[in-house]
Amino acid sequence: MFRISQKTNRFGCTVLLSLLSLCAIPAIAQQCNGQVISTPEGMREVQDDALLKTALGEPGKGSLCTAKVFEVQQPVRLFRVYNAAQPASLYGRWWSLQVPVGPRAQYAAENAICPEWSPLNAAATCTLKPGVRVVIGPGQSAQCASGEVLPASATNQVYVANDARVQKTLVDNCSEPLVWP
């Protein structure tokens, strides 16, 4: 239900106000579902508010719900499930410290991954380079194109600020892609 009204503010400008019925908007959880893991082996916790901000997302938008920034002290192995039809997506931003296990629908639900983001049909491992900073935390809720709302996830994910479009990769020594699961 929309209700539009006009008001004049103290500067004499006309302002349109619109009120939405909250019943028309799907409920999206506001709470995080999980905690940031303790400091992973080969990393140390650091402050980097700018990087942290890039990895956190609003409810319904994906990304991370809560997180901490870590700096790699020695090579750390990461795992990625991605879209085999887009080989550059191997160097995406969302990774795991754990070996991915299927089935695909379960993995997607545990990591709050909407179907339109990736078919999750390939997997690889890579190594984080020493000196790289990453953000780790449980996933934020996501509203998918279908209207489905995936709740915030307790599964910790690793945000790596890769950008394959400009050949910025913070991982190396990647394995050959495997069909997944």
Protein backbone atom coordinates (compact mmCIF):
# COMPACT_ATOMS: atom_id res chain seq x y z
CA MET A 1 0.00 0.00 0.00
CA PHE A 2 1.41 3.36 -0.99
CA ARG A 3 0.41 6.65 0.49
CA ILE A 4 1.85 9.79 -0.97
CA SER A 5 1.46 13.15 0.69
CA GLN A 6 2.95 16.57 0.21
CA LYS A 7 4.45 18.67 2.95
CA THR A 8 6.22 21.98 2.93
CA ASN A 9 9.47 22.01 4.87
CA ARG A 10 10.86 24.95 6.82
CA PHE A 11 12.58 26.27 3.69
CA GLY A 12 9.33 26.50 1.73
CA CYS A 13 10.16 23.49 -0.48
CA THR A 14 7.53 20.91 -1.26
CA VAL A 15 8.54 17.42 -0.19
CA LEU A 16 6.77 14.25 -1.30
CA LEU A 17 6.47 11.60 1.37
CA SER A 18 5.72 8.00 0.56
CA LEU A 19 4.83 5.37 3.11
CA LEU A 20 5.05 1.69 2.23
CA SER A 21 3.12 -1.00 3.94
CA LEU A 22 5.67 -3.22 5.65
CA CYS A 23 3.53 -6.22 4.76
CA ALA A 24 4.40 -5.73 1.08
CA ILE A 25 8.13 -6.14 1.71
CA PRO A 26 9.46 -9.64 2.45
CA ALA A 27 10.87 -9.91 5.95
CA ILE A 28 14.66 -10.13 5.86
CA ALA A 29 16.51 -11.10 9.01
CA GLN A 30 18.41 -8.27 10.65
CA GLN A 31 20.60 -10.50 12.85
CA CYS A 32 23.79 -12.31 12.02
CA ASN A 33 23.68 -16.07 12.34
CA GLY A 34 27.13 -17.05 13.51
CA GLN A 35 30.40 -15.64 14.75
CA VAL A 36 33.73 -14.83 13.19
CA ILE A 37 36.13 -17.74 13.58
CA SER A 38 39.22 -17.36 15.75
CA THR A 39 42.39 -16.21 14.02
CA PRO A 40 43.19 -18.72 11.25
CA GLU A 41 46.63 -20.32 11.15
CA GLY A 42 49.07 -18.23 9.12
CA MET A 43 47.16 -14.97 9.70
CA ARG A 44 46.96 -12.19 12.27
CA GLU A 45 44.03 -9.88 13.01
CA VAL A 46 44.53 -6.25 11.89
CA GLN A 47 42.49 -3.05 11.67
CA ASP A 48 41.46 -1.99 8.16
CA ASP A 49 38.10 -0.24 8.30
CA ALA A 50 38.00 0.52 4.56
CA LEU A 51 38.49 -3.14 3.59
CA LEU A 52 36.04 -4.28 6.26
CA LYS A 53 33.40 -1.92 4.91
CA THR A 54 33.73 -3.36 1.37
CA ALA A 55 32.99 -6.88 2.61
CA LEU A 56 29.99 -6.15 4.86
CA GLY A 57 26.51 -6.15 3.36
CA GLU A 58 23.07 -4.96 4.33
CA PRO A 59 20.38 -7.52 5.11
CA GLY A 60 19.08 -9.05 1.89
CA LYS A 61 22.10 -7.97 -0.16
CA GLY A 62 24.57 -10.79 0.53
CA SER A 63 28.24 -10.25 1.42
CA LEU A 64 29.22 -10.68 5.10
CA CYS A 65 27.05 -10.01 8.14
CA THR A 66 29.83 -9.41 10.67
CA ALA A 67 33.56 -9.85 10.15
CA LYS A 68 37.18 -9.18 11.05
CA VAL A 69 40.17 -8.29 8.90
CA PHE A 70 43.20 -10.57 8.84
CA GLU A 71 46.63 -10.20 7.26
CA VAL A 72 48.31 -13.25 5.79
CA GLN A 73 51.68 -14.00 7.48
CA GLN A 74 52.50 -17.17 5.55
CA PRO A 75 50.83 -18.79 2.50
CA VAL A 76 47.26 -19.89 3.28
CA ARG A 77 45.28 -22.31 1.14
CA LEU A 78 41.77 -21.27 0.10
CA PHE A 79 38.96 -23.06 -1.73
CA ARG A 80 36.58 -21.58 -4.32
CA VAL A 81 33.45 -22.87 -6.01
CA TYR A 82 32.56 -20.84 -9.11
CA ASN A 83 31.10 -20.73 -12.64
CA ALA A 84 33.14 -22.87 -15.07
CA ALA A 85 31.62 -21.00 -18.05
CA GLN A 86 33.44 -17.87 -16.86
CA PRO A 87 37.07 -18.93 -16.24
CA ALA A 88 38.00 -15.49 -14.85
CA SER A 89 35.47 -16.06 -12.06
CA LEU A 90 38.03 -18.44 -10.54
CA TYR A 91 39.62 -15.22 -9.27
CA GLY A 92 36.45 -13.95 -7.62
CA ARG A 93 36.07 -12.42 -4.20
CA TRP A 94 34.33 -15.13 -2.15
CA TRP A 95 36.36 -18.06 -0.82
CA SER A 96 36.43 -20.65 1.95
CA LEU A 97 39.04 -21.96 4.35
CA GLN A 98 37.24 -25.33 4.24
CA VAL A 99 37.05 -27.91 1.45
CA PRO A 100 33.65 -27.41 -0.23
CA VAL A 101 31.23 -30.31 0.09
CA GLY A 102 27.98 -30.89 -1.77
CA PRO A 103 25.30 -31.30 -2.69
CA ARG A 104 25.20 -28.00 -4.58
CA ALA A 105 21.88 -26.81 -3.07
CA GLN A 106 23.15 -27.44 0.45
CA TYR A 107 26.42 -25.58 -0.23
CA ALA A 108 24.48 -22.64 -1.70
CA ALA A 109 22.14 -22.51 1.31
CA GLU A 110 25.00 -22.79 3.84
CA ASN A 111 26.82 -19.90 2.14
CA ALA A 112 23.75 -17.78 1.23
CA ILE A 113 24.49 -17.93 -2.53
CA CYS A 114 21.62 -17.05 -4.88
CA PRO A 115 21.32 -19.24 -8.00
CA GLU A 116 21.75 -16.25 -10.34
CA TRP A 117 25.16 -15.46 -8.80
CA SER A 118 26.75 -18.75 -9.89
CA PRO A 119 25.80 -22.27 -10.98
CA LEU A 120 28.55 -23.51 -8.60
CA ASN A 121 29.84 -26.11 -11.06
CA ALA A 122 33.64 -25.87 -10.72
CA ALA A 123 36.08 -25.82 -7.81
CA ALA A 124 39.73 -24.96 -7.32
CA THR A 125 42.24 -24.22 -4.59
CA CYS A 126 44.64 -21.29 -4.53
CA THR A 127 47.11 -19.84 -2.06
CA LEU A 128 46.85 -16.41 -0.46
CA LYS A 129 50.06 -14.44 -0.77
CA PRO A 130 51.79 -13.20 2.42
CA GLY A 131 50.96 -9.56 3.14
CA VAL A 132 47.46 -9.81 1.66
CA ARG A 133 44.57 -8.66 3.83
CA VAL A 134 41.27 -10.55 3.78
CA VAL A 135 37.96 -10.26 5.60
CA ILE A 136 36.42 -13.30 7.28
CA GLY A 137 32.96 -13.72 8.75
CA PRO A 138 29.55 -15.36 8.46
CA GLY A 139 27.40 -14.55 5.43
CA GLN A 140 24.68 -11.91 5.31
CA SER A 141 21.13 -12.74 4.22
CA ALA A 142 20.35 -12.48 0.52
CA GLN A 143 17.21 -11.86 -1.48
CA CYS A 144 17.45 -13.72 -4.79
CA ALA A 145 15.95 -12.65 -8.11
CA SER A 146 13.26 -15.32 -7.69
CA GLY A 147 12.10 -13.59 -4.50
CA GLU A 148 13.53 -16.33 -2.30
CA VAL A 149 15.21 -14.97 0.83
CA LEU A 150 18.26 -16.85 2.05
CA PRO A 151 18.82 -16.28 5.79
CA ALA A 152 22.10 -15.06 7.21
CA SER A 153 24.59 -17.92 7.25
CA ALA A 154 26.65 -19.21 10.16
CA THR A 155 29.30 -20.38 7.67
CA ASN A 156 32.41 -18.21 7.64
CA GLN A 157 33.45 -16.96 4.22
CA VAL A 158 36.66 -15.28 3.12
CA TYR A 159 36.48 -12.02 1.17
CA VAL A 160 39.54 -11.52 -1.05
CA ALA A 161 39.66 -8.19 -2.90
CA ASN A 162 40.53 -9.80 -6.25
CA ASP A 163 39.48 -7.94 -9.40
CA ALA A 164 40.17 -10.02 -12.51
CA ARG A 165 38.91 -7.17 -14.73
CA VAL A 166 42.10 -5.23 -13.92
CA GLN A 167 44.34 -8.28 -13.39
CA LYS A 168 44.41 -7.78 -9.61
CA THR A 169 44.74 -11.21 -8.08
CA LEU A 170 45.79 -11.71 -4.50
CA VAL A 171 46.00 -15.49 -4.85
CA ASP A 172 48.42 -17.69 -6.76
CA ASN A 173 49.41 -21.33 -7.22
CA CYS A 174 45.86 -22.24 -8.24
CA SER A 175 44.97 -25.85 -8.96
CA GLU A 176 43.42 -26.99 -12.20
CA PRO A 177 39.64 -26.49 -12.04
CA LEU A 178 37.59 -29.56 -11.18
CA VAL A 179 33.96 -30.27 -11.98
CA TRP A 180 32.03 -29.75 -8.76
CA PRO A 181 30.46 -31.34 -6.78
